[in-house]
Amino acid sequence: MNDNCQLSIVTKEYLKTFRCILDKMIHGMTEARLTDSISYNFMVQMIPHHRAAIEMSRNLLQYTTDIPLQNIALGIIEEQTKSIADMEKILCSCKKTQNCERNVWQYQQKMDCIMQTMFSEMKNADSNNNINQNFMREMIPHHEGAIKMSETTLQYDICPELIPILNAIISSQKKGVMEMQTLLRGGCTC
């Protein structure tokens, strides 16, 4: 957080809600009950991740008047709501695709590293009185975390029904990162 900038009451409210959502996401992802199925483990950790993105986008929509950013937030809500529904449909059947203990351990080590980096970058995202920029600086590492988690999961023996979901996450979130980076560079998020 930028200590050189006095934050407005509105910004403080936005950030308070963001931090609450982030804490809930971290708890949901780190406290998920893991099994010997990489497919299942990915989904029980990604579902709270997606729910947080939806809540963070709704939080932004209470404050922003920036139309491109509104469209990004609405897209996040739509895509990640669908992704959650798709994962919930296959959760039980994919749990049957089990992996050896060594692969599960190796996979989870990689996932924990990705998650810790994402949590740290989101917690430490620079904040100022431009809520639009704050949201993008928080959401970019969130999306990058999902991309890395999905790409890591694709390296293992997983439930075939999960593969198109992972590819959709990678595709949509890479697109979202590029859109937000472009908006941040362009400075058109007043």
N, C-alpha and C. Protein backbone atom coordinates (compact mmCIF):
# COMPACT_ATOMS: atom_id res chain seq x y z
N MET A 1 0.84 -1.18 0.00
CA MET A 1 0.00 0.00 0.00
C MET A 1 0.88 1.24 0.00
N ASN A 2 0.48 2.25 -0.72
CA ASN A 2 1.24 3.49 -0.83
C ASN A 2 0.96 4.37 0.37
N ASP A 3 1.96 4.51 1.26
CA ASP A 3 1.80 5.31 2.47
C ASP A 3 1.90 6.80 2.20
N ASN A 4 2.35 7.19 1.00
CA ASN A 4 2.51 8.60 0.68
C ASN A 4 1.19 9.26 0.29
N CYS A 5 0.15 8.50 0.17
CA CYS A 5 -1.13 9.01 -0.31
C CYS A 5 -2.19 8.83 0.78
N GLN A 6 -2.85 9.92 1.14
CA GLN A 6 -3.94 9.80 2.11
C GLN A 6 -5.16 9.27 1.37
N LEU A 7 -5.69 8.17 1.86
CA LEU A 7 -6.80 7.51 1.18
C LEU A 7 -8.13 8.12 1.58
N SER A 8 -9.01 8.27 0.60
CA SER A 8 -10.34 8.80 0.85
C SER A 8 -11.18 7.77 1.61
N ILE A 9 -12.27 8.21 2.17
CA ILE A 9 -13.21 7.32 2.87
C ILE A 9 -13.74 6.26 1.91
N VAL A 10 -14.04 6.66 0.69
CA VAL A 10 -14.57 5.73 -0.32
C VAL A 10 -13.52 4.66 -0.65
N THR A 11 -12.28 5.09 -0.85
CA THR A 11 -11.21 4.14 -1.14
C THR A 11 -11.00 3.18 0.03
N LYS A 12 -11.04 3.73 1.23
CA LYS A 12 -10.87 2.88 2.41
C LYS A 12 -11.97 1.82 2.49
N GLU A 13 -13.21 2.19 2.17
CA GLU A 13 -14.31 1.21 2.17
C GLU A 13 -14.10 0.14 1.11
N TYR A 14 -13.69 0.58 -0.09
CA TYR A 14 -13.40 -0.36 -1.17
C TYR A 14 -12.31 -1.35 -0.72
N LEU A 15 -11.22 -0.83 -0.17
CA LEU A 15 -10.09 -1.67 0.24
C LEU A 15 -10.45 -2.58 1.41
N LYS A 16 -11.27 -2.10 2.32
CA LYS A 16 -11.71 -2.92 3.46
C LYS A 16 -12.47 -4.15 2.94
N THR A 17 -13.37 -3.93 2.00
CA THR A 17 -14.13 -5.05 1.42
C THR A 17 -13.21 -5.98 0.65
N PHE A 18 -12.29 -5.40 -0.14
CA PHE A 18 -11.34 -6.22 -0.89
C PHE A 18 -10.54 -7.12 0.05
N ARG A 19 -10.03 -6.55 1.12
CA ARG A 19 -9.20 -7.35 2.06
C ARG A 19 -10.01 -8.46 2.72
N CYS A 20 -11.26 -8.18 3.01
CA CYS A 20 -12.13 -9.21 3.60
C CYS A 20 -12.33 -10.36 2.60
N ILE A 21 -12.59 -10.02 1.34
CA ILE A 21 -12.76 -11.03 0.29
C ILE A 21 -11.46 -11.83 0.12
N LEU A 22 -10.34 -11.13 0.11
CA LEU A 22 -9.04 -11.79 -0.05
C LEU A 22 -8.76 -12.75 1.10
N ASP A 23 -9.03 -12.33 2.32
CA ASP A 23 -8.82 -13.21 3.48
C ASP A 23 -9.69 -14.46 3.39
N LYS A 24 -10.94 -14.27 2.96
CA LYS A 24 -11.86 -15.41 2.80
C LYS A 24 -11.36 -16.36 1.71
N MET A 25 -10.84 -15.80 0.62
CA MET A 25 -10.30 -16.63 -0.46
C MET A 25 -9.09 -17.43 0.02
N ILE A 26 -8.17 -16.75 0.71
CA ILE A 26 -6.97 -17.42 1.21
C ILE A 26 -7.37 -18.57 2.13
N HIS A 27 -8.30 -18.33 3.02
CA HIS A 27 -8.76 -19.38 3.93
C HIS A 27 -9.38 -20.54 3.13
N GLY A 28 -10.24 -20.22 2.18
CA GLY A 28 -10.90 -21.26 1.38
C GLY A 28 -9.92 -22.10 0.58
N MET A 29 -8.89 -21.46 0.05
CA MET A 29 -7.93 -22.19 -0.78
C MET A 29 -6.94 -22.99 0.06
N THR A 30 -6.51 -22.44 1.19
CA THR A 30 -5.49 -23.13 2.00
C THR A 30 -6.09 -24.17 2.93
N GLU A 31 -7.37 -24.04 3.25
CA GLU A 31 -8.01 -24.98 4.15
C GLU A 31 -8.86 -26.03 3.42
N ALA A 32 -8.82 -26.03 2.10
CA ALA A 32 -9.58 -27.02 1.32
C ALA A 32 -9.12 -28.43 1.69
N ARG A 33 -10.07 -29.35 1.79
CA ARG A 33 -9.74 -30.76 2.08
C ARG A 33 -9.24 -31.44 0.82
N LEU A 34 -7.97 -31.79 0.85
CA LEU A 34 -7.33 -32.37 -0.32
C LEU A 34 -7.37 -33.89 -0.25
N THR A 35 -7.31 -34.51 -1.44
CA THR A 35 -7.39 -35.97 -1.55
C THR A 35 -6.21 -36.47 -2.38
N ASP A 36 -6.31 -37.70 -2.84
CA ASP A 36 -5.28 -38.25 -3.72
C ASP A 36 -5.65 -38.06 -5.20
N SER A 37 -6.54 -37.09 -5.46
CA SER A 37 -6.94 -36.77 -6.82
C SER A 37 -6.54 -35.33 -7.13
N ILE A 38 -5.59 -35.17 -8.04
CA ILE A 38 -5.16 -33.84 -8.45
C ILE A 38 -6.32 -33.07 -9.06
N SER A 39 -7.14 -33.74 -9.84
CA SER A 39 -8.30 -33.10 -10.47
C SER A 39 -9.22 -32.49 -9.42
N TYR A 40 -9.55 -33.28 -8.43
CA TYR A 40 -10.43 -32.82 -7.34
C TYR A 40 -9.77 -31.69 -6.56
N ASN A 41 -8.50 -31.86 -6.24
CA ASN A 41 -7.79 -30.85 -5.45
C ASN A 41 -7.75 -29.50 -6.17
N PHE A 42 -7.52 -29.54 -7.48
CA PHE A 42 -7.53 -28.29 -8.25
C PHE A 42 -8.88 -27.59 -8.08
N MET A 43 -9.94 -28.34 -8.25
CA MET A 43 -11.27 -27.71 -8.23
C MET A 43 -11.64 -27.17 -6.85
N VAL A 44 -11.32 -27.91 -5.78
CA VAL A 44 -11.70 -27.40 -4.46
C VAL A 44 -10.87 -26.19 -4.05
N GLN A 45 -9.74 -25.99 -4.71
CA GLN A 45 -8.96 -24.78 -4.45
C GLN A 45 -9.33 -23.65 -5.43
N MET A 46 -9.73 -24.00 -6.65
CA MET A 46 -10.07 -22.98 -7.64
C MET A 46 -11.46 -22.40 -7.40
N ILE A 47 -12.38 -23.17 -6.88
CA ILE A 47 -13.74 -22.64 -6.66
C ILE A 47 -13.72 -21.44 -5.71
N PRO A 48 -13.04 -21.48 -4.54
CA PRO A 48 -12.99 -20.26 -3.73
C PRO A 48 -12.21 -19.13 -4.40
N HIS A 49 -11.26 -19.47 -5.25
CA HIS A 49 -10.51 -18.47 -6.02
C HIS A 49 -11.46 -17.73 -6.95
N HIS A 50 -12.27 -18.47 -7.70
CA HIS A 50 -13.26 -17.88 -8.61
C HIS A 50 -14.31 -17.07 -7.84
N ARG A 51 -14.79 -17.61 -6.74
CA ARG A 51 -15.80 -16.88 -5.95
C ARG A 51 -15.26 -15.52 -5.51
N ALA A 52 -13.99 -15.49 -5.14
CA ALA A 52 -13.37 -14.23 -4.72
C ALA A 52 -13.33 -13.24 -5.89
N ALA A 53 -13.00 -13.70 -7.09
CA ALA A 53 -12.96 -12.80 -8.25
C ALA A 53 -14.33 -12.21 -8.53
N ILE A 54 -15.36 -13.03 -8.35
CA ILE A 54 -16.74 -12.55 -8.55
C ILE A 54 -17.06 -11.47 -7.52
N GLU A 55 -16.74 -11.73 -6.26
CA GLU A 55 -17.03 -10.76 -5.20
C GLU A 55 -16.19 -9.49 -5.37
N MET A 56 -14.94 -9.64 -5.77
CA MET A 56 -14.09 -8.47 -5.99
C MET A 56 -14.62 -7.63 -7.15
N SER A 57 -15.12 -8.28 -8.18
CA SER A 57 -15.69 -7.56 -9.32
C SER A 57 -16.97 -6.83 -8.90
N ARG A 58 -17.79 -7.47 -8.12
CA ARG A 58 -19.00 -6.80 -7.61
C ARG A 58 -18.65 -5.61 -6.73
N ASN A 59 -17.59 -5.75 -5.95
CA ASN A 59 -17.12 -4.65 -5.12
C ASN A 59 -16.73 -3.46 -6.01
N LEU A 60 -15.96 -3.73 -7.05
CA LEU A 60 -15.55 -2.67 -7.98
C LEU A 60 -16.77 -1.99 -8.60
N LEU A 61 -17.75 -2.78 -9.04
CA LEU A 61 -18.91 -2.24 -9.75
C LEU A 61 -19.72 -1.25 -8.91
N GLN A 62 -19.54 -1.29 -7.60
CA GLN A 62 -20.21 -0.31 -6.74
C GLN A 62 -19.58 1.07 -6.87
N TYR A 63 -18.35 1.14 -7.37
CA TYR A 63 -17.58 2.38 -7.37
C TYR A 63 -17.21 2.91 -8.74
N THR A 64 -16.99 2.05 -9.72
CA THR A 64 -16.43 2.51 -10.98
C THR A 64 -17.49 3.05 -11.94
N THR A 65 -17.07 4.05 -12.71
CA THR A 65 -17.88 4.55 -13.82
C THR A 65 -17.14 4.32 -15.13
N ASP A 66 -16.00 3.65 -15.07
CA ASP A 66 -15.18 3.37 -16.25
C ASP A 66 -15.80 2.21 -17.02
N ILE A 67 -16.30 2.48 -18.21
CA ILE A 67 -17.05 1.48 -18.98
C ILE A 67 -16.19 0.27 -19.38
N PRO A 68 -14.96 0.45 -19.90
CA PRO A 68 -14.16 -0.74 -20.21
C PRO A 68 -13.92 -1.62 -18.97
N LEU A 69 -13.70 -0.99 -17.83
CA LEU A 69 -13.45 -1.76 -16.61
C LEU A 69 -14.74 -2.42 -16.11
N GLN A 70 -15.87 -1.75 -16.29
CA GLN A 70 -17.15 -2.38 -15.96
C GLN A 70 -17.34 -3.64 -16.81
N ASN A 71 -17.00 -3.54 -18.09
CA ASN A 71 -17.14 -4.70 -18.98
C ASN A 71 -16.22 -5.84 -18.55
N ILE A 72 -15.00 -5.52 -18.13
CA ILE A 72 -14.08 -6.54 -17.63
C ILE A 72 -14.67 -7.21 -16.39
N ALA A 73 -15.16 -6.40 -15.45
CA ALA A 73 -15.72 -6.94 -14.21
C ALA A 73 -16.94 -7.81 -14.49
N LEU A 74 -17.80 -7.36 -15.38
CA LEU A 74 -19.00 -8.16 -15.74
C LEU A 74 -18.59 -9.46 -16.43
N GLY A 75 -17.54 -9.40 -17.25
CA GLY A 75 -17.03 -10.62 -17.90
C GLY A 75 -16.47 -11.60 -16.89
N ILE A 76 -15.76 -11.09 -15.88
CA ILE A 76 -15.24 -11.95 -14.81
C ILE A 76 -16.39 -12.65 -14.10
N ILE A 77 -17.41 -11.90 -13.76
CA ILE A 77 -18.57 -12.48 -13.06
C ILE A 77 -19.21 -13.58 -13.90
N GLU A 78 -19.44 -13.29 -15.17
CA GLU A 78 -20.09 -14.27 -16.05
C GLU A 78 -19.23 -15.51 -16.27
N GLU A 79 -17.96 -15.31 -16.64
CA GLU A 79 -17.09 -16.45 -16.95
C GLU A 79 -16.81 -17.32 -15.73
N GLN A 80 -16.57 -16.68 -14.59
CA GLN A 80 -16.19 -17.47 -13.42
C GLN A 80 -17.39 -18.11 -12.75
N THR A 81 -18.57 -17.52 -12.90
CA THR A 81 -19.79 -18.19 -12.43
C THR A 81 -20.00 -19.47 -13.23
N LYS A 82 -19.81 -19.38 -14.56
CA LYS A 82 -19.95 -20.56 -15.42
C LYS A 82 -18.88 -21.61 -15.08
N SER A 83 -17.65 -21.16 -14.86
CA SER A 83 -16.57 -22.09 -14.54
C SER A 83 -16.84 -22.83 -13.23
N ILE A 84 -17.35 -22.12 -12.23
CA ILE A 84 -17.70 -22.77 -10.96
C ILE A 84 -18.77 -23.84 -11.20
N ALA A 85 -19.80 -23.49 -11.96
CA ALA A 85 -20.88 -24.45 -12.24
C ALA A 85 -20.33 -25.67 -12.98
N ASP A 86 -19.45 -25.43 -13.95
CA ASP A 86 -18.84 -26.54 -14.70
C ASP A 86 -18.02 -27.45 -13.79
N MET A 87 -17.26 -26.85 -12.87
CA MET A 87 -16.45 -27.66 -11.95
C MET A 87 -17.33 -28.42 -10.96
N GLU A 88 -18.36 -27.78 -10.46
CA GLU A 88 -19.24 -28.45 -9.50
C GLU A 88 -19.95 -29.66 -10.13
N LYS A 89 -20.22 -29.60 -11.44
CA LYS A 89 -20.86 -30.72 -12.14
C LYS A 89 -19.98 -31.96 -12.19
N ILE A 90 -18.66 -31.76 -12.28
CA ILE A 90 -17.75 -32.90 -12.46
C ILE A 90 -16.95 -33.23 -11.21
N LEU A 91 -17.17 -32.50 -10.14
CA LEU A 91 -16.35 -32.65 -8.94
C LEU A 91 -16.33 -34.09 -8.43
N CYS A 92 -17.49 -34.69 -8.26
CA CYS A 92 -17.56 -36.06 -7.70
C CYS A 92 -16.99 -37.09 -8.67
N SER A 93 -17.34 -36.98 -9.94
CA SER A 93 -16.83 -37.98 -10.90
C SER A 93 -15.32 -37.85 -11.09
N CYS A 94 -14.79 -36.64 -11.07
CA CYS A 94 -13.35 -36.44 -11.26
C CYS A 94 -12.55 -36.88 -10.04
N LYS A 95 -13.19 -36.94 -8.89
CA LYS A 95 -12.49 -37.39 -7.69
C LYS A 95 -12.01 -38.83 -7.84
N LYS A 96 -12.65 -39.56 -8.75
CA LYS A 96 -12.28 -40.96 -8.99
C LYS A 96 -10.95 -41.09 -9.74
N THR A 97 -10.53 -40.01 -10.42
CA THR A 97 -9.23 -40.03 -11.10
C THR A 97 -8.17 -39.74 -10.05
N GLN A 98 -7.52 -40.81 -9.59
CA GLN A 98 -6.57 -40.67 -8.49
C GLN A 98 -5.14 -40.68 -9.01
N ASN A 99 -4.26 -40.10 -8.23
CA ASN A 99 -2.85 -40.00 -8.59
C ASN A 99 -2.00 -40.62 -7.49
N CYS A 100 -0.78 -41.00 -7.88
CA CYS A 100 0.12 -41.59 -6.88
C CYS A 100 0.53 -40.52 -5.87
N GLU A 101 0.91 -40.98 -4.69
CA GLU A 101 1.24 -40.08 -3.58
C GLU A 101 2.35 -39.09 -3.97
N ARG A 102 3.36 -39.58 -4.66
CA ARG A 102 4.49 -38.73 -5.06
C ARG A 102 4.03 -37.59 -5.96
N ASN A 103 3.18 -37.89 -6.97
CA ASN A 103 2.69 -36.85 -7.87
C ASN A 103 1.79 -35.85 -7.15
N VAL A 104 0.96 -36.34 -6.25
CA VAL A 104 0.08 -35.44 -5.49
C VAL A 104 0.93 -34.49 -4.64
N TRP A 105 1.97 -35.03 -4.00
CA TRP A 105 2.84 -34.20 -3.16
C TRP A 105 3.57 -33.15 -4.02
N GLN A 106 4.14 -33.61 -5.13
CA GLN A 106 4.86 -32.71 -6.04
C GLN A 106 3.94 -31.62 -6.57
N TYR A 107 2.76 -32.01 -7.00
CA TYR A 107 1.77 -31.07 -7.52
C TYR A 107 1.42 -30.03 -6.46
N GLN A 108 1.15 -30.49 -5.25
CA GLN A 108 0.72 -29.56 -4.21
C GLN A 108 1.82 -28.60 -3.80
N GLN A 109 3.08 -29.06 -3.86
CA GLN A 109 4.20 -28.16 -3.59
C GLN A 109 4.21 -27.01 -4.60
N LYS A 110 4.03 -27.34 -5.87
CA LYS A 110 3.98 -26.32 -6.92
C LYS A 110 2.80 -25.38 -6.71
N MET A 111 1.64 -25.95 -6.40
CA MET A 111 0.43 -25.14 -6.20
C MET A 111 0.59 -24.21 -5.00
N ASP A 112 1.15 -24.72 -3.92
CA ASP A 112 1.35 -23.88 -2.73
C ASP A 112 2.25 -22.70 -3.04
N CYS A 113 3.29 -22.93 -3.82
CA CYS A 113 4.21 -21.85 -4.20
C CYS A 113 3.48 -20.80 -5.05
N ILE A 114 2.70 -21.25 -6.01
CA ILE A 114 1.92 -20.33 -6.86
C ILE A 114 0.95 -19.52 -6.00
N MET A 115 0.25 -20.21 -5.10
CA MET A 115 -0.74 -19.52 -4.27
C MET A 115 -0.09 -18.51 -3.35
N GLN A 116 1.02 -18.87 -2.72
CA GLN A 116 1.68 -17.94 -1.80
C GLN A 116 2.16 -16.68 -2.54
N THR A 117 2.68 -16.85 -3.73
CA THR A 117 3.10 -15.70 -4.54
C THR A 117 1.89 -14.83 -4.87
N MET A 118 0.81 -15.45 -5.30
CA MET A 118 -0.41 -14.71 -5.63
C MET A 118 -0.95 -13.98 -4.41
N PHE A 119 -1.04 -14.66 -3.27
CA PHE A 119 -1.55 -14.02 -2.05
C PHE A 119 -0.71 -12.81 -1.69
N SER A 120 0.60 -12.97 -1.75
CA SER A 120 1.52 -11.89 -1.39
C SER A 120 1.36 -10.69 -2.34
N GLU A 121 1.31 -10.96 -3.64
CA GLU A 121 1.19 -9.87 -4.61
C GLU A 121 -0.15 -9.15 -4.47
N MET A 122 -1.20 -9.88 -4.16
CA MET A 122 -2.51 -9.24 -3.99
C MET A 122 -2.54 -8.42 -2.71
N LYS A 123 -2.00 -8.95 -1.64
CA LYS A 123 -1.98 -8.22 -0.36
C LYS A 123 -1.16 -6.95 -0.46
N ASN A 124 -0.07 -7.01 -1.23
CA ASN A 124 0.88 -5.90 -1.30
C ASN A 124 0.70 -5.01 -2.53
N ALA A 125 -0.42 -5.19 -3.24
CA ALA A 125 -0.67 -4.34 -4.41
C ALA A 125 -0.72 -2.88 -3.98
N ASP A 126 -0.05 -2.04 -4.73
CA ASP A 126 -0.01 -0.61 -4.43
C ASP A 126 -1.43 -0.04 -4.50
N SER A 127 -1.79 0.78 -3.51
CA SER A 127 -3.12 1.38 -3.44
C SER A 127 -3.01 2.89 -3.42
N ASN A 128 -3.94 3.53 -4.14
CA ASN A 128 -4.08 4.98 -4.10
C ASN A 128 -5.57 5.29 -4.18
N ASN A 129 -5.93 6.52 -4.44
CA ASN A 129 -7.34 6.89 -4.48
C ASN A 129 -8.01 6.59 -5.82
N ASN A 130 -7.31 5.93 -6.72
CA ASN A 130 -7.91 5.51 -7.98
C ASN A 130 -8.33 4.04 -7.82
N ILE A 131 -9.59 3.84 -7.48
CA ILE A 131 -10.11 2.49 -7.23
C ILE A 131 -9.98 1.61 -8.46
N ASN A 132 -10.15 2.17 -9.65
CA ASN A 132 -10.02 1.39 -10.88
C ASN A 132 -8.63 0.78 -10.99
N GLN A 133 -7.61 1.61 -10.75
CA GLN A 133 -6.24 1.10 -10.81
C GLN A 133 -5.97 0.10 -9.69
N ASN A 134 -6.50 0.37 -8.51
CA ASN A 134 -6.33 -0.57 -7.39
C ASN A 134 -6.86 -1.95 -7.78
N PHE A 135 -8.08 -1.98 -8.33
CA PHE A 135 -8.70 -3.25 -8.72
C PHE A 135 -7.81 -4.01 -9.69
N MET A 136 -7.30 -3.32 -10.70
CA MET A 136 -6.49 -4.00 -11.72
C MET A 136 -5.17 -4.50 -11.13
N ARG A 137 -4.55 -3.71 -10.25
CA ARG A 137 -3.30 -4.15 -9.62
C ARG A 137 -3.54 -5.35 -8.70
N GLU A 138 -4.75 -5.49 -8.19
CA GLU A 138 -5.11 -6.64 -7.35
C GLU A 138 -5.52 -7.84 -8.21
N MET A 139 -6.25 -7.58 -9.30
CA MET A 139 -6.81 -8.67 -10.12
C MET A 139 -5.78 -9.28 -11.05
N ILE A 140 -4.81 -8.52 -11.51
CA ILE A 140 -3.81 -9.10 -12.41
C ILE A 140 -3.08 -10.28 -11.75
N PRO A 141 -2.54 -10.13 -10.52
CA PRO A 141 -1.90 -11.32 -9.92
C PRO A 141 -2.89 -12.44 -9.61
N HIS A 142 -4.15 -12.09 -9.36
CA HIS A 142 -5.20 -13.10 -9.14
C HIS A 142 -5.36 -13.94 -10.40
N HIS A 143 -5.49 -13.27 -11.55
CA HIS A 143 -5.61 -13.98 -12.83
C HIS A 143 -4.34 -14.77 -13.14
N GLU A 144 -3.18 -14.16 -12.92
CA GLU A 144 -1.92 -14.85 -13.21
C GLU A 144 -1.79 -16.12 -12.36
N GLY A 145 -2.27 -16.06 -11.13
CA GLY A 145 -2.27 -17.25 -10.27
C GLY A 145 -3.13 -18.36 -10.86
N ALA A 146 -4.32 -18.00 -11.35
CA ALA A 146 -5.22 -19.00 -11.95
C ALA A 146 -4.59 -19.62 -13.19
N ILE A 147 -3.93 -18.80 -13.99
CA ILE A 147 -3.27 -19.30 -15.20
C ILE A 147 -2.20 -20.32 -14.82
N LYS A 148 -1.34 -19.95 -13.88
CA LYS A 148 -0.25 -20.85 -13.46
C LYS A 148 -0.79 -22.12 -12.81
N MET A 149 -1.83 -21.99 -12.00
CA MET A 149 -2.43 -23.18 -11.37
C MET A 149 -3.00 -24.11 -12.43
N SER A 150 -3.66 -23.55 -13.43
CA SER A 150 -4.26 -24.36 -14.50
C SER A 150 -3.19 -25.02 -15.35
N GLU A 151 -2.15 -24.26 -15.72
CA GLU A 151 -1.06 -24.83 -16.52
C GLU A 151 -0.34 -25.94 -15.76
N THR A 152 -0.16 -25.76 -14.46
CA THR A 152 0.49 -26.80 -13.64
C THR A 152 -0.36 -28.06 -13.61
N THR A 153 -1.66 -27.90 -13.46
CA THR A 153 -2.57 -29.05 -13.39
C THR A 153 -2.56 -29.84 -14.68
N LEU A 154 -2.44 -29.15 -15.81
CA LEU A 154 -2.41 -29.83 -17.11
C LEU A 154 -1.18 -30.72 -17.29
N GLN A 155 -0.17 -30.58 -16.44
CA GLN A 155 1.05 -31.39 -16.54
C GLN A 155 0.87 -32.78 -15.93
N TYR A 156 -0.27 -33.04 -15.31
CA TYR A 156 -0.49 -34.30 -14.59
C TYR A 156 -1.63 -35.09 -15.22
N ASP A 157 -1.74 -36.34 -14.79
CA ASP A 157 -2.83 -37.20 -15.21
C ASP A 157 -4.09 -36.73 -14.51
N ILE A 158 -5.02 -36.17 -15.27
CA ILE A 158 -6.24 -35.60 -14.69
C ILE A 158 -7.47 -36.11 -15.40
N CYS A 159 -8.59 -35.85 -14.79
CA CYS A 159 -9.90 -36.20 -15.33
C CYS A 159 -10.09 -35.50 -16.68
N PRO A 160 -10.45 -36.23 -17.74
CA PRO A 160 -10.59 -35.61 -19.08
C PRO A 160 -11.61 -34.46 -19.11
N GLU A 161 -12.64 -34.54 -18.29
CA GLU A 161 -13.67 -33.49 -18.28
C GLU A 161 -13.13 -32.15 -17.74
N LEU A 162 -12.03 -32.21 -17.01
CA LEU A 162 -11.45 -31.00 -16.44
C LEU A 162 -10.62 -30.23 -17.47
N ILE A 163 -10.10 -30.91 -18.47
CA ILE A 163 -9.18 -30.27 -19.42
C ILE A 163 -9.79 -29.06 -20.12
N PRO A 164 -11.02 -29.14 -20.68
CA PRO A 164 -11.57 -27.94 -21.32
C PRO A 164 -11.81 -26.79 -20.34
N ILE A 165 -12.08 -27.10 -19.10
CA ILE A 165 -12.26 -26.05 -18.08
C ILE A 165 -10.94 -25.34 -17.84
N LEU A 166 -9.87 -26.11 -17.73
CA LEU A 166 -8.54 -25.53 -17.52
C LEU A 166 -8.15 -24.65 -18.71
N ASN A 167 -8.40 -25.14 -19.92
CA ASN A 167 -8.06 -24.36 -21.11
C ASN A 167 -8.87 -23.07 -21.18
N ALA A 168 -10.13 -23.13 -20.77
CA ALA A 168 -10.98 -21.93 -20.76
C ALA A 168 -10.47 -20.92 -19.73
N ILE A 169 -10.04 -21.41 -18.56
CA ILE A 169 -9.48 -20.51 -17.53
C ILE A 169 -8.24 -19.82 -18.07
N ILE A 170 -7.34 -20.60 -18.66
CA ILE A 170 -6.09 -20.03 -19.18
C ILE A 170 -6.39 -18.97 -20.24
N SER A 171 -7.25 -19.30 -21.17
CA SER A 171 -7.58 -18.40 -22.27
C SER A 171 -8.24 -17.11 -21.78
N SER A 172 -9.28 -17.24 -20.96
CA SER A 172 -10.02 -16.06 -20.52
C SER A 172 -9.18 -15.18 -19.60
N GLN A 173 -8.37 -15.80 -18.76
CA GLN A 173 -7.62 -15.00 -17.79
C GLN A 173 -6.39 -14.35 -18.44
N LYS A 174 -5.80 -14.99 -19.44
CA LYS A 174 -4.73 -14.32 -20.19
C LYS A 174 -5.29 -13.09 -20.90
N LYS A 175 -6.47 -13.25 -21.48
CA LYS A 175 -7.13 -12.12 -22.15
C LYS A 175 -7.41 -11.00 -21.14
N GLY A 176 -7.90 -11.35 -19.97
CA GLY A 176 -8.19 -10.36 -18.93
C GLY A 176 -6.95 -9.63 -18.46
N VAL A 177 -5.85 -10.36 -18.29
CA VAL A 177 -4.59 -9.74 -17.87
C VAL A 177 -4.15 -8.72 -18.93
N MET A 178 -4.20 -9.11 -20.20
CA MET A 178 -3.78 -8.19 -21.26
C MET A 178 -4.66 -6.94 -21.30
N GLU A 179 -5.97 -7.13 -21.15
CA GLU A 179 -6.88 -5.97 -21.16
C GLU A 179 -6.58 -5.02 -20.00
N MET A 180 -6.37 -5.57 -18.81
CA MET A 180 -6.10 -4.72 -17.65
C MET A 180 -4.74 -4.05 -17.76
N GLN A 181 -3.74 -4.76 -18.26
CA GLN A 181 -2.42 -4.14 -18.44
C GLN A 181 -2.49 -2.99 -19.44
N THR A 182 -3.27 -3.17 -20.49
CA THR A 182 -3.45 -2.12 -21.49
C THR A 182 -4.13 -0.90 -20.87
N LEU A 183 -5.16 -1.12 -20.08
CA LEU A 183 -5.84 -0.01 -19.42
C LEU A 183 -4.92 0.71 -18.44
N LEU A 184 -4.15 -0.05 -17.68
CA LEU A 184 -3.22 0.57 -16.73
C LEU A 184 -2.16 1.41 -17.45
N ARG A 185 -1.61 0.87 -18.54
CA ARG A 185 -0.59 1.60 -19.29
C ARG A 185 -1.18 2.85 -19.95
N GLY A 186 -2.43 2.72 -20.41
CA GLY A 186 -3.07 3.84 -21.10
C GLY A 186 -3.50 4.96 -20.19
N GLY A 187 -3.60 4.66 -18.91
CA GLY A 187 -3.97 5.68 -17.93
C GLY A 187 -5.40 6.17 -18.10
N CYS A 188 -6.25 5.44 -18.84
CA CYS A 188 -7.62 5.91 -19.07
C CYS A 188 -8.58 5.31 -18.06
N THR A 189 -8.16 5.19 -16.82
CA THR A 189 -9.03 4.67 -15.76
C THR A 189 -9.12 5.69 -14.63
N CYS A 190 -9.69 6.81 -14.99
CA CYS A 190 -9.80 7.91 -14.02
C CYS A 190 -10.95 7.73 -13.07
